[in-house]
Amino acid sequence: MKAPKKSSTIPHDEVRLKHLSDPKRARYAMKLALEEFEQDNDVDMLLDTLRLVAQAQGGLASLARKTDVSRQALHEALSPKGNPRLRTFQNVLGSLGLRMTVKPVRQTSKKAARSAA
């Protein structure tokens, strides 16, 4: 019986990690992930992107030192089942050179007209 051939392609996460090692690309990826989160509230995808950016920018151990959060706590917070506290999320973003901002929600013309009245 022949052994199955291994794929010669590069694993998808390796490509993503290499791509996200560039700080500009990492910021852009997080911006897109946050915009998508505004639309679909998919926390898992947001945390997945943040976890990949963190890994690409030096890894969770390095990030843990920068944020004063244990590596294990970061791993758990950024896992698919994670539910990071707002402070942890903000510290992670800050250590990656990013920050959260708040902007007004766009109102439809009917809502704007009602609030103006």
PDB file of N, CA and C in Angstrom:
ATOM      1  N   MET A   1       0.846  -1.179   0.000  1.00  0.00           N
ATOM      2  CA  MET A   1       0.000   0.000   0.000  1.00  0.00           C
ATOM      3  C   MET A   1       0.888   1.238   0.000  1.00  0.00           C
ATOM      4  N   LYS A   2       0.578   2.198  -0.853  1.00  0.00           N
ATOM      5  CA  LYS A   2       1.362   3.418  -0.948  1.00  0.00           C
ATOM      6  C   LYS A   2       0.980   4.391   0.157  1.00  0.00           C
ATOM      7  N   ALA A   3       1.994   5.073   0.659  1.00  0.00           N
ATOM      8  CA  ALA A   3       1.727   6.119   1.654  1.00  0.00           C
ATOM      9  C   ALA A   3       1.114   7.315   0.935  1.00  0.00           C
ATOM     10  N   PRO A   4       0.137   7.964   1.564  1.00  0.00           N
ATOM     11  CA  PRO A   4      -0.471   9.119   0.904  1.00  0.00           C
ATOM     12  C   PRO A   4       0.564  10.230   0.741  1.00  0.00           C
ATOM     13  N   LYS A   5       0.487  10.913  -0.391  1.00  0.00           N
ATOM     14  CA  LYS A   5       1.401  12.013  -0.642  1.00  0.00           C
ATOM     15  C   LYS A   5       1.025  13.197   0.229  1.00  0.00           C
ATOM     16  N   LYS A   6       2.044  13.875   0.715  1.00  0.00           N
ATOM     17  CA  LYS A   6       1.797  15.093   1.464  1.00  0.00           C
ATOM     18  C   LYS A   6       1.654  16.236   0.469  1.00  0.00           C
ATOM     19  N   SER A   7       0.813  17.151   0.799  1.00  0.00           N
ATOM     20  CA  SER A   7       0.621  18.307  -0.056  1.00  0.00           C
ATOM     21  C   SER A   7       1.883  19.145  -0.070  1.00  0.00           C
ATOM     22  N   SER A   8       2.235  19.638  -1.225  1.00  0.00           N
ATOM     23  CA  SER A   8       3.423  20.481  -1.328  1.00  0.00           C
ATOM     24  C   SER A   8       3.068  21.958  -1.202  1.00  0.00           C
ATOM     25  N   THR A   9       1.802  22.252  -0.959  1.00  0.00           N
ATOM     26  CA  THR A   9       1.403  23.650  -0.823  1.00  0.00           C
ATOM     27  C   THR A   9       1.709  24.149   0.581  1.00  0.00           C
ATOM     28  N   ILE A  10       1.831  25.438   0.700  1.00  0.00           N
ATOM     29  CA  ILE A  10       2.098  26.063   1.991  1.00  0.00           C
ATOM     30  C   ILE A  10       0.772  26.174   2.742  1.00  0.00           C
ATOM     31  N   PRO A  11       0.743  25.775   4.016  1.00  0.00           N
ATOM     32  CA  PRO A  11      -0.495  25.890   4.792  1.00  0.00           C
ATOM     33  C   PRO A  11      -1.000  27.337   4.812  1.00  0.00           C
ATOM     34  N   HIS A  12      -2.302  27.482   4.763  1.00  0.00           N
ATOM     35  CA  HIS A  12      -2.945  28.791   4.698  1.00  0.00           C
ATOM     36  C   HIS A  12      -2.518  29.707   5.841  1.00  0.00           C
ATOM     37  N   ASP A  13      -2.472  29.194   7.077  1.00  0.00           N
ATOM     38  CA  ASP A  13      -2.093  30.037   8.210  1.00  0.00           C
ATOM     39  C   ASP A  13      -0.661  30.549   8.083  1.00  0.00           C
ATOM     40  N   GLU A  14       0.241  29.756   7.505  1.00  0.00           N
ATOM     41  CA  GLU A  14       1.607  30.233   7.306  1.00  0.00           C
ATOM     42  C   GLU A  14       1.634  31.434   6.380  1.00  0.00           C
ATOM     43  N   VAL A  15       0.849  31.390   5.334  1.00  0.00           N
ATOM     44  CA  VAL A  15       0.766  32.515   4.400  1.00  0.00           C
ATOM     45  C   VAL A  15       0.197  33.731   5.118  1.00  0.00           C
ATOM     46  N   ARG A  16      -0.871  33.512   5.878  1.00  0.00           N
ATOM     47  CA  ARG A  16      -1.488  34.617   6.609  1.00  0.00           C
ATOM     48  C   ARG A  16      -0.523  35.207   7.626  1.00  0.00           C
ATOM     49  N   LEU A  17       0.220  34.362   8.342  1.00  0.00           N
ATOM     50  CA  LEU A  17       1.170  34.863   9.330  1.00  0.00           C
ATOM     51  C   LEU A  17       2.270  35.686   8.675  1.00  0.00           C
ATOM     52  N   LYS A  18       2.790  35.202   7.553  1.00  0.00           N
ATOM     53  CA  LYS A  18       3.833  35.957   6.852  1.00  0.00           C
ATOM     54  C   LYS A  18       3.278  37.303   6.397  1.00  0.00           C
ATOM     55  N   HIS A  19       2.087  37.295   5.868  1.00  0.00           N
ATOM     56  CA  HIS A  19       1.439  38.521   5.395  1.00  0.00           C
ATOM     57  C   HIS A  19       1.234  39.504   6.552  1.00  0.00           C
ATOM     58  N   LEU A  20       0.798  39.002   7.701  1.00  0.00           N
ATOM     59  CA  LEU A  20       0.482  39.852   8.846  1.00  0.00           C
ATOM     60  C   LEU A  20       1.701  40.279   9.650  1.00  0.00           C
ATOM     61  N   SER A  21       2.883  39.805   9.284  1.00  0.00           N
ATOM     62  CA  SER A  21       4.091  40.247   9.993  1.00  0.00           C
ATOM     63  C   SER A  21       4.429  41.690   9.638  1.00  0.00           C
ATOM     64  N   ASP A  22       3.892  42.194   8.540  1.00  0.00           N
ATOM     65  CA  ASP A  22       4.053  43.598   8.167  1.00  0.00           C
ATOM     66  C   ASP A  22       3.053  44.415   8.985  1.00  0.00           C
ATOM     67  N   PRO A  23       3.525  45.365   9.804  1.00  0.00           N
ATOM     68  CA  PRO A  23       2.611  46.128  10.666  1.00  0.00           C
ATOM     69  C   PRO A  23       1.493  46.843   9.906  1.00  0.00           C
ATOM     70  N   LYS A  24       1.777  47.355   8.713  1.00  0.00           N
ATOM     71  CA  LYS A  24       0.731  48.034   7.943  1.00  0.00           C
ATOM     72  C   LYS A  24      -0.362  47.051   7.522  1.00  0.00           C
ATOM     73  N   ARG A  25       0.050  45.873   7.097  1.00  0.00           N
ATOM     74  CA  ARG A  25      -0.935  44.860   6.717  1.00  0.00           C
ATOM     75  C   ARG A  25      -1.710  44.369   7.929  1.00  0.00           C
ATOM     76  N   ALA A  26      -1.036  44.267   9.063  1.00  0.00           N
ATOM     77  CA  ALA A  26      -1.708  43.832  10.292  1.00  0.00           C
ATOM     78  C   ALA A  26      -2.767  44.850  10.700  1.00  0.00           C
ATOM     79  N   ARG A  27      -2.421  46.140  10.639  1.00  0.00           N
ATOM     80  CA  ARG A  27      -3.402  47.181  10.970  1.00  0.00           C
ATOM     81  C   ARG A  27      -4.599  47.122  10.018  1.00  0.00           C
ATOM     82  N   TYR A  28      -4.315  46.926   8.742  1.00  0.00           N
ATOM     83  CA  TYR A  28      -5.385  46.850   7.755  1.00  0.00           C
ATOM     84  C   TYR A  28      -6.284  45.638   8.023  1.00  0.00           C
ATOM     85  N   ALA A  29      -5.676  44.507   8.355  1.00  0.00           N
ATOM     86  CA  ALA A  29      -6.453  43.298   8.658  1.00  0.00           C
ATOM     87  C   ALA A  29      -7.355  43.526   9.864  1.00  0.00           C
ATOM     88  N   MET A  30      -6.828  44.193  10.895  1.00  0.00           N
ATOM     89  CA  MET A  30      -7.646  44.464  12.076  1.00  0.00           C
ATOM     90  C   MET A  30      -8.754  45.448  11.753  1.00  0.00           C
ATOM     91  N   LYS A  31      -8.455  46.446  10.931  1.00  0.00           N
ATOM     92  CA  LYS A  31      -9.481  47.402  10.525  1.00  0.00           C
ATOM     93  C   LYS A  31     -10.618  46.680   9.803  1.00  0.00           C
ATOM     94  N   LEU A  32     -10.260  45.806   8.874  1.00  0.00           N
ATOM     95  CA  LEU A  32     -11.286  45.049   8.156  1.00  0.00           C
ATOM     96  C   LEU A  32     -12.073  44.143   9.095  1.00  0.00           C
ATOM     97  N   ALA A  33     -11.361  43.480  10.009  1.00  0.00           N
ATOM     98  CA  ALA A  33     -12.035  42.578  10.949  1.00  0.00           C
ATOM     99  C   ALA A  33     -13.021  43.344  11.821  1.00  0.00           C
ATOM    100  N   LEU A  34     -12.643  44.542  12.258  1.00  0.00           N
ATOM    101  CA  LEU A  34     -13.547  45.354  13.077  1.00  0.00           C
ATOM    102  C   LEU A  34     -14.741  45.845  12.261  1.00  0.00           C
ATOM    103  N   GLU A  35     -14.503  46.215  10.999  1.00  0.00           N
ATOM    104  CA  GLU A  35     -15.614  46.637  10.144  1.00  0.00           C
ATOM    105  C   GLU A  35     -16.585  45.481   9.908  1.00  0.00           C
ATOM    106  N   GLU A  36     -16.040  44.293   9.682  1.00  0.00           N
ATOM    107  CA  GLU A  36     -16.902  43.124   9.499  1.00  0.00           C
ATOM    108  C   GLU A  36     -17.663  42.808  10.776  1.00  0.00           C
ATOM    109  N   PHE A  37     -16.986  42.970  11.917  1.00  0.00           N
ATOM    110  CA  PHE A  37     -17.636  42.723  13.203  1.00  0.00           C
ATOM    111  C   PHE A  37     -18.817  43.662  13.392  1.00  0.00           C
ATOM    112  N   GLU A  38     -18.675  44.915  12.949  1.00  0.00           N
ATOM    113  CA  GLU A  38     -19.791  45.863  13.033  1.00  0.00           C
ATOM    114  C   GLU A  38     -21.001  45.363  12.256  1.00  0.00           C
ATOM    115  N   GLN A  39     -20.748  44.657  11.156  1.00  0.00           N
ATOM    116  CA  GLN A  39     -21.823  44.178  10.304  1.00  0.00           C
ATOM    117  C   GLN A  39     -22.447  42.871  10.787  1.00  0.00           C
ATOM    118  N   ASP A  40     -21.592  41.922  11.209  1.00  0.00           N
ATOM    119  CA  ASP A  40     -22.109  40.574  11.491  1.00  0.00           C
ATOM    120  C   ASP A  40     -21.977  40.115  12.943  1.00  0.00           C
ATOM    121  N   ASN A  41     -21.332  40.895  13.786  1.00  0.00           N
ATOM    122  CA  ASN A  41     -21.132  40.552  15.207  1.00  0.00           C
ATOM    123  C   ASN A  41     -20.466  39.193  15.400  1.00  0.00           C
ATOM    124  N   ASP A  42     -19.616  38.792  14.463  1.00  0.00           N
ATOM    125  CA  ASP A  42     -18.919  37.508  14.541  1.00  0.00           C
ATOM    126  C   ASP A  42     -17.657  37.663  15.401  1.00  0.00           C
ATOM    127  N   VAL A  43     -17.807  37.438  16.696  1.00  0.00           N
ATOM    128  CA  VAL A  43     -16.698  37.588  17.641  1.00  0.00           C
ATOM    129  C   VAL A  43     -15.579  36.598  17.318  1.00  0.00           C
ATOM    130  N   ASP A  44     -15.941  35.378  16.920  1.00  0.00           N
ATOM    131  CA  ASP A  44     -14.933  34.361  16.614  1.00  0.00           C
ATOM    132  C   ASP A  44     -13.979  34.825  15.520  1.00  0.00           C
ATOM    133  N   MET A  45     -14.495  35.424  14.470  1.00  0.00           N
ATOM    134  CA  MET A  45     -13.651  35.892  13.366  1.00  0.00           C
ATOM    135  C   MET A  45     -12.772  37.061  13.819  1.00  0.00           C
ATOM    136  N   LEU A  46     -13.324  37.943  14.623  1.00  0.00           N
ATOM    137  CA  LEU A  46     -12.548  39.070  15.139  1.00  0.00           C
ATOM    138  C   LEU A  46     -11.397  38.573  15.994  1.00  0.00           C
ATOM    139  N   LEU A  47     -11.679  37.624  16.901  1.00  0.00           N
ATOM    140  CA  LEU A  47     -10.631  37.085  17.762  1.00  0.00           C
ATOM    141  C   LEU A  47      -9.617  36.273  16.970  1.00  0.00           C
ATOM    142  N   ASP A  48     -10.075  35.574  15.930  1.00  0.00           N
ATOM    143  CA  ASP A  48      -9.167  34.815  15.077  1.00  0.00           C
ATOM    144  C   ASP A  48      -8.170  35.751  14.397  1.00  0.00           C
ATOM    145  N   THR A  49      -8.663  36.855  13.870  1.00  0.00           N
ATOM    146  CA  THR A  49      -7.776  37.824  13.223  1.00  0.00           C
ATOM    147  C   THR A  49      -6.820  38.431  14.233  1.00  0.00           C
ATOM    148  N   LEU A  50      -7.315  38.792  15.398  1.00  0.00           N
ATOM    149  CA  LEU A  50      -6.450  39.367  16.432  1.00  0.00           C
ATOM    150  C   LEU A  50      -5.389  38.366  16.873  1.00  0.00           C
ATOM    151  N   ARG A  51      -5.769  37.108  17.018  1.00  0.00           N
ATOM    152  CA  ARG A  51      -4.815  36.060  17.411  1.00  0.00           C
ATOM    153  C   ARG A  51      -3.739  35.880  16.336  1.00  0.00           C
ATOM    154  N   LEU A  52      -4.142  35.849  15.078  1.00  0.00           N
ATOM    155  CA  LEU A  52      -3.159  35.708  13.999  1.00  0.00           C
ATOM    156  C   LEU A  52      -2.229  36.917  13.927  1.00  0.00           C
ATOM    157  N   VAL A  53      -2.770  38.108  14.099  1.00  0.00           N
ATOM    158  CA  VAL A  53      -1.926  39.310  14.101  1.00  0.00           C
ATOM    159  C   VAL A  53      -0.945  39.243  15.258  1.00  0.00           C
ATOM    160  N   ALA A  54      -1.410  38.845  16.425  1.00  0.00           N
ATOM    161  CA  ALA A  54      -0.522  38.733  17.589  1.00  0.00           C
ATOM    162  C   ALA A  54       0.584  37.721  17.339  1.00  0.00           C
ATOM    163  N   GLN A  55       0.244  36.579  16.756  1.00  0.00           N
ATOM    164  CA  GLN A  55       1.258  35.565  16.451  1.00  0.00           C
ATOM    165  C   GLN A  55       2.260  36.096  15.435  1.00  0.00           C
ATOM    166  N   ALA A  56       1.782  36.797  14.431  1.00  0.00           N
ATOM    167  CA  ALA A  56       2.657  37.311  13.373  1.00  0.00           C
ATOM    168  C   ALA A  56       3.552  38.436  13.864  1.00  0.00           C
ATOM    169  N   GLN A  57       3.105  39.154  14.879  1.00  0.00           N
ATOM    170  CA  GLN A  57       3.864  40.287  15.389  1.00  0.00           C
ATOM    171  C   GLN A  57       4.772  39.923  16.565  1.00  0.00           C
ATOM    172  N   GLY A  58       5.105  38.658  16.692  1.00  0.00           N
ATOM    173  CA  GLY A  58       6.053  38.260  17.733  1.00  0.00           C
ATOM    174  C   GLY A  58       5.577  37.136  18.629  1.00  0.00           C
ATOM    175  N   GLY A  59       4.315  36.758  18.536  1.00  0.00           N
ATOM    176  CA  GLY A  59       3.808  35.640  19.309  1.00  0.00           C
ATOM    177  C   GLY A  59       3.135  36.058  20.604  1.00  0.00           C
ATOM    178  N   LEU A  60       2.413  35.103  21.184  1.00  0.00           N
ATOM    179  CA  LEU A  60       1.659  35.384  22.406  1.00  0.00           C
ATOM    180  C   LEU A  60       2.553  35.617  23.613  1.00  0.00           C
ATOM    181  N   ALA A  61       3.708  34.955  23.666  1.00  0.00           N
ATOM    182  CA  ALA A  61       4.612  35.155  24.803  1.00  0.00           C
ATOM    183  C   ALA A  61       5.127  36.594  24.821  1.00  0.00           C
ATOM    184  N   SER A  62       5.527  37.092  23.666  1.00  0.00           N
ATOM    185  CA  SER A  62       5.981  38.475  23.561  1.00  0.00           C
ATOM    186  C   SER A  62       4.849  39.442  23.888  1.00  0.00           C
ATOM    187  N   LEU A  63       3.679  39.154  23.377  1.00  0.00           N
ATOM    188  CA  LEU A  63       2.518  39.989  23.638  1.00  0.00           C
ATOM    189  C   LEU A  63       2.178  39.989  25.127  1.00  0.00           C
ATOM    190  N   ALA A  64       2.296  38.846  25.766  1.00  0.00           N
ATOM    191  CA  ALA A  64       2.008  38.750  27.202  1.00  0.00           C
ATOM    192  C   ALA A  64       2.937  39.657  28.006  1.00  0.00           C
ATOM    193  N   ARG A  65       4.213  39.687  27.629  1.00  0.00           N
ATOM    194  CA  ARG A  65       5.159  40.574  28.327  1.00  0.00           C
ATOM    195  C   ARG A  65       4.771  42.039  28.139  1.00  0.00           C
ATOM    196  N   LYS A  66       4.337  42.404  26.955  1.00  0.00           N
ATOM    197  CA  LYS A  66       3.981  43.796  26.672  1.00  0.00           C
ATOM    198  C   LYS A  66       2.695  44.219  27.371  1.00  0.00           C
ATOM    199  N   THR A  67       1.772  43.291  27.559  1.00  0.00           N
ATOM    200  CA  THR A  67       0.460  43.631  28.108  1.00  0.00           C
ATOM    201  C   THR A  67       0.328  43.354  29.596  1.00  0.00           C
ATOM    202  N   ASP A  68       1.326  42.726  30.193  1.00  0.00           N
ATOM    203  CA  ASP A  68       1.247  42.312  31.605  1.00  0.00           C
ATOM    204  C   ASP A  68       0.074  41.370  31.857  1.00  0.00           C
ATOM    205  N   VAL A  69      -0.226  40.554  30.860  1.00  0.00           N
ATOM    206  CA  VAL A  69      -1.247  39.502  30.966  1.00  0.00           C
ATOM    207  C   VAL A  69      -0.506  38.199  30.707  1.00  0.00           C
ATOM    208  N   SER A  70      -0.816  37.163  31.460  1.00  0.00           N
ATOM    209  CA  SER A  70      -0.105  35.902  31.270  1.00  0.00           C
ATOM    210  C   SER A  70      -0.359  35.327  29.884  1.00  0.00           C
ATOM    211  N   ARG A  71       0.604  34.571  29.381  1.00  0.00           N
ATOM    212  CA  ARG A  71       0.475  33.953  28.066  1.00  0.00           C
ATOM    213  C   ARG A  71      -0.745  33.051  28.028  1.00  0.00           C
ATOM    214  N   GLN A  72      -0.944  32.296  29.095  1.00  0.00           N
ATOM    215  CA  GLN A  72      -2.091  31.388  29.136  1.00  0.00           C
ATOM    216  C   GLN A  72      -3.403  32.165  29.118  1.00  0.00           C
ATOM    217  N   ALA A  73      -3.466  33.263  29.863  1.00  0.00           N
ATOM    218  CA  ALA A  73      -4.690  34.076  29.879  1.00  0.00           C
ATOM    219  C   ALA A  73      -4.960  34.669  28.491  1.00  0.00           C
ATOM    220  N   LEU A  74      -3.899  35.110  27.814  1.00  0.00           N
ATOM    221  CA  LEU A  74      -4.075  35.620  26.451  1.00  0.00           C
ATOM    222  C   LEU A  74      -4.546  34.527  25.509  1.00  0.00           C
ATOM    223  N   HIS A  75      -3.928  33.366  25.631  1.00  0.00           N
ATOM    224  CA  HIS A  75      -4.309  32.232  24.776  1.00  0.00           C
ATOM    225  C   HIS A  75      -5.795  31.911  24.957  1.00  0.00           C
ATOM    226  N   GLU A  76      -6.239  31.890  26.203  1.00  0.00           N
ATOM    227  CA  GLU A  76      -7.642  31.595  26.483  1.00  0.00           C
ATOM    228  C   GLU A  76      -8.559  32.715  25.993  1.00  0.00           C
ATOM    229  N   ALA A  77      -8.137  33.969  26.218  1.00  0.00           N
ATOM    230  CA  ALA A  77      -8.978  35.102  25.828  1.00  0.00           C
ATOM    231  C   ALA A  77      -9.139  35.200  24.320  1.00  0.00           C
ATOM    232  N   LEU A  78      -8.082  34.846  23.576  1.00  0.00           N
ATOM    233  CA  LEU A  78      -8.118  34.973  22.119  1.00  0.00           C
ATOM    234  C   LEU A  78      -8.499  33.678  21.413  1.00  0.00           C
ATOM    235  N   SER A  79      -8.825  32.654  22.184  1.00  0.00           N
ATOM    236  CA  SER A  79      -9.213  31.377  21.581  1.00  0.00           C
ATOM    237  C   SER A  79     -10.619  31.491  20.997  1.00  0.00           C
ATOM    238  N   PRO A  80     -11.003  30.547  20.150  1.00  0.00           N
ATOM    239  CA  PRO A  80     -12.361  30.597  19.579  1.00  0.00           C
ATOM    240  C   PRO A  80     -13.461  30.608  20.645  1.00  0.00           C
ATOM    241  N   LYS A  81     -13.202  30.027  21.792  1.00  0.00           N
ATOM    242  CA  LYS A  81     -14.186  30.035  22.882  1.00  0.00           C
ATOM    243  C   LYS A  81     -13.934  31.177  23.857  1.00  0.00           C
ATOM    244  N   GLY A  82     -12.962  32.023  23.539  1.00  0.00           N
ATOM    245  CA  GLY A  82     -12.566  33.101  24.436  1.00  0.00           C
ATOM    246  C   GLY A  82     -13.606  34.202  24.530  1.00  0.00           C
ATOM    247  N   ASN A  83     -13.502  34.928  25.612  1.00  0.00           N
ATOM    248  CA  ASN A  83     -14.366  36.075  25.847  1.00  0.00           C
ATOM    249  C   ASN A  83     -13.531  37.100  26.612  1.00  0.00           C
ATOM    250  N   PRO A  84     -12.614  37.777  25.887  1.00  0.00           N
ATOM    251  CA  PRO A  84     -11.701  38.670  26.599  1.00  0.00           C
ATOM    252  C   PRO A  84     -12.425  39.859  27.209  1.00  0.00           C
ATOM    253  N   ARG A  85     -11.893  40.306  28.336  1.00  0.00           N
ATOM    254  CA  ARG A  85     -12.416  41.522  28.939  1.00  0.00           C
ATOM    255  C   ARG A  85     -12.044  42.691  28.037  1.00  0.00           C
ATOM    256  N   LEU A  86     -12.781  43.738  28.158  1.00  0.00           N
ATOM    257  CA  LEU A  86     -12.522  44.925  27.352  1.00  0.00           C
ATOM    258  C   LEU A  86     -11.104  45.442  27.596  1.00  0.00           C
ATOM    259  N   ARG A  87     -10.674  45.425  28.842  1.00  0.00           N
ATOM    260  CA  ARG A  87      -9.325  45.899  29.173  1.00  0.00           C
ATOM    261  C   ARG A  87      -8.263  45.034  28.494  1.00  0.00           C
ATOM    262  N   THR A  88      -8.454  43.725  28.496  1.00  0.00           N
ATOM    263  CA  THR A  88      -7.503  42.820  27.833  1.00  0.00           C
ATOM    264  C   THR A  88      -7.478  43.103  26.335  1.00  0.00           C
ATOM    265  N   PHE A  89      -8.642  43.233  25.734  1.00  0.00           N
ATOM    266  CA  PHE A  89      -8.735  43.510  24.303  1.00  0.00           C
ATOM    267  C   PHE A  89      -8.019  44.826  23.982  1.00  0.00           C
ATOM    268  N   GLN A  90      -8.252  45.842  24.792  1.00  0.00           N
ATOM    269  CA  GLN A  90      -7.628  47.143  24.581  1.00  0.00           C
ATOM    270  C   GLN A  90      -6.111  47.059  24.765  1.00  0.00           C
ATOM    271  N   ASN A  91      -5.646  46.323  25.759  1.00  0.00           N
ATOM    272  CA  ASN A  91      -4.205  46.157  25.974  1.00  0.00           C
ATOM    273  C   ASN A  91      -3.547  45.433  24.800  1.00  0.00           C
ATOM    274  N   VAL A  92      -4.209  44.415  24.279  1.00  0.00           N
ATOM    275  CA  VAL A  92      -3.670  43.679  23.137  1.00  0.00           C
ATOM    276  C   VAL A  92      -3.561  44.606  21.933  1.00  0.00           C
ATOM    277  N   LEU A  93      -4.630  45.329  21.649  1.00  0.00           N
ATOM    278  CA  LEU A  93      -4.588  46.261  20.523  1.00  0.00           C
ATOM    279  C   LEU A  93      -3.483  47.296  20.716  1.00  0.00           C
ATOM    280  N   GLY A  94      -3.378  47.843  21.918  1.00  0.00           N
ATOM    281  CA  GLY A  94      -2.358  48.858  22.195  1.00  0.00           C
ATOM    282  C   GLY A  94      -0.953  48.333  21.995  1.00  0.00           C
ATOM    283  N   SER A  95      -0.706  47.111  22.415  1.00  0.00           N
ATOM    284  CA  SER A  95       0.634  46.549  22.262  1.00  0.00           C
ATOM    285  C   SER A  95       0.963  46.253  20.806  1.00  0.00           C
ATOM    286  N   LEU A  96      -0.056  46.157  19.964  1.00  0.00           N
ATOM    287  CA  LEU A  96       0.145  45.953  18.531  1.00  0.00           C
ATOM    288  C   LEU A  96       0.169  47.283  17.776  1.00  0.00           C
ATOM    289  N   GLY A  97       0.135  48.393  18.527  1.00  0.00           N
ATOM    290  CA  GLY A  97       0.172  49.707  17.905  1.00  0.00           C
ATOM    291  C   GLY A  97      -1.173  50.161  17.375  1.00  0.00           C
ATOM    292  N   LEU A  98      -2.249  49.595  17.920  1.00  0.00           N
ATOM    293  CA  LEU A  98      -3.603  49.918  17.473  1.00  0.00           C
ATOM    294  C   LEU A  98      -4.410  50.442  18.650  1.00  0.00           C
ATOM    295  N   ARG A  99      -5.537  51.065  18.361  1.00  0.00           N
ATOM    296  CA  ARG A  99      -6.439  51.491  19.432  1.00  0.00           C
ATOM    297  C   ARG A  99      -7.871  51.419  18.950  1.00  0.00           C
ATOM    298  N   MET A 100      -8.765  51.315  19.911  1.00  0.00           N
ATOM    299  CA  MET A 100     -10.187  51.295  19.593  1.00  0.00           C
ATOM    300  C   MET A 100     -10.682  52.730  19.505  1.00  0.00           C
ATOM    301  N   THR A 101     -11.639  52.948  18.640  1.00  0.00           N
ATOM    302  CA  THR A 101     -12.295  54.239  18.570  1.00  0.00           C
ATOM    303  C   THR A 101     -13.795  54.003  18.508  1.00  0.00           C
ATOM    304  N   VAL A 102     -14.521  55.020  18.864  1.00  0.00           N
ATOM    305  CA  VAL A 102     -15.976  54.954  18.837  1.00  0.00           C
ATOM    306  C   VAL A 102     -16.447  55.985  17.823  1.00  0.00           C
ATOM    307  N   LYS A 103     -17.392  55.584  16.992  1.00  0.00           N
ATOM    308  CA  LYS A 103     -17.952  56.520  16.020  1.00  0.00           C
ATOM    309  C   LYS A 103     -19.457  56.370  16.025  1.00  0.00           C
ATOM    310  N   PRO A 104     -20.162  57.426  15.636  1.00  0.00           N
ATOM    311  CA  PRO A 104     -21.620  57.342  15.631  1.00  0.00           C
ATOM    312  C   PRO A 104     -22.118  56.350  14.588  1.00  0.00           C
ATOM    313  N   VAL A 105     -23.234  55.756  14.886  1.00  0.00           N
ATOM    314  CA  VAL A 105     -23.887  54.842  13.966  1.00  0.00           C
ATOM    315  C   VAL A 105     -24.600  55.690  12.918  1.00  0.00           C
ATOM    316  N   ARG A 106     -24.489  55.267  11.674  1.00  0.00           N
ATOM    317  CA  ARG A 106     -25.193  56.002  10.613  1.00  0.00           C
ATOM    318  C   ARG A 106     -26.688  55.824  10.793  1.00  0.00           C
ATOM    319  N   GLN A 107     -27.390  56.917  10.723  1.00  0.00           N
ATOM    320  CA  GLN A 107     -28.846  56.868  10.842  1.00  0.00           C
ATOM    321  C   GLN A 107     -29.464  56.923   9.460  1.00  0.00           C
ATOM    322  N   THR A 108     -30.563  56.191   9.304  1.00  0.00           N
ATOM    323  CA  THR A 108     -31.293  56.290   8.036  1.00  0.00           C
ATOM    324  C   THR A 108     -32.000  57.638   8.000  1.00  0.00           C
ATOM    325  N   SER A 109     -32.398  58.070   6.858  1.00  0.00           N
ATOM    326  CA  SER A 109     -33.013  59.391   6.715  1.00  0.00           C
ATOM    327  C   SER A 109     -34.292  59.521   7.552  1.00  0.00           C
ATOM    328  N   LYS A 110     -35.074  58.442   7.698  1.00  0.00           N
ATOM    329  CA  LYS A 110     -36.293  58.487   8.507  1.00  0.00           C
ATOM    330  C   LYS A 110     -35.949  58.712   9.968  1.00  0.00           C
ATOM    331  N   LYS A 111     -34.928  57.984  10.469  1.00  0.00           N
ATOM    332  CA  LYS A 111     -34.528  58.144  11.869  1.00  0.00           C
ATOM    333  C   LYS A 111     -33.960  59.529  12.101  1.00  0.00           C
ATOM    334  N   ALA A 112     -33.183  60.031  11.164  1.00  0.00           N
ATOM    335  CA  ALA A 112     -32.593  61.369  11.300  1.00  0.00           C
ATOM    336  C   ALA A 112     -33.685  62.429  11.332  1.00  0.00           C
ATOM    337  N   ALA A 113     -34.703  62.247  10.500  1.00  0.00           N
ATOM    338  CA  ALA A 113     -35.798  63.213  10.454  1.00  0.00           C
ATOM    339  C   ALA A 113     -36.567  63.208  11.766  1.00  0.00           C
ATOM    340  N   ARG A 114     -36.787  62.015  12.348  1.00  0.00           N
ATOM    341  CA  ARG A 114     -37.512  61.921  13.610  1.00  0.00           C
ATOM    342  C   ARG A 114     -36.738  62.565  14.750  1.00  0.00           C
ATOM    343  N   SER A 115     -35.417  62.330  14.776  1.00  0.00           N
ATOM    344  CA  SER A 115     -34.625  62.877  15.876  1.00  0.00           C
ATOM    345  C   SER A 115     -34.471  64.384  15.737  1.00  0.00           C
ATOM    346  N   ALA A 116     -34.568  64.926  14.520  1.00  0.00           N
ATOM    347  CA  ALA A 116     -34.474  66.364  14.306  1.00  0.00           C
ATOM    348  C   ALA A 116     -35.770  67.061  14.723  1.00  0.00           C
ATOM    349  N   ALA A 117     -36.884  66.324  14.725  1.00  0.00           N
ATOM    350  CA  ALA A 117     -38.198  66.924  15.051  1.00  0.00           C
ATOM    351  C   ALA A 117     -38.405  67.129  16.516  1.00  0.00           C
TER     352      ALA A 117
END
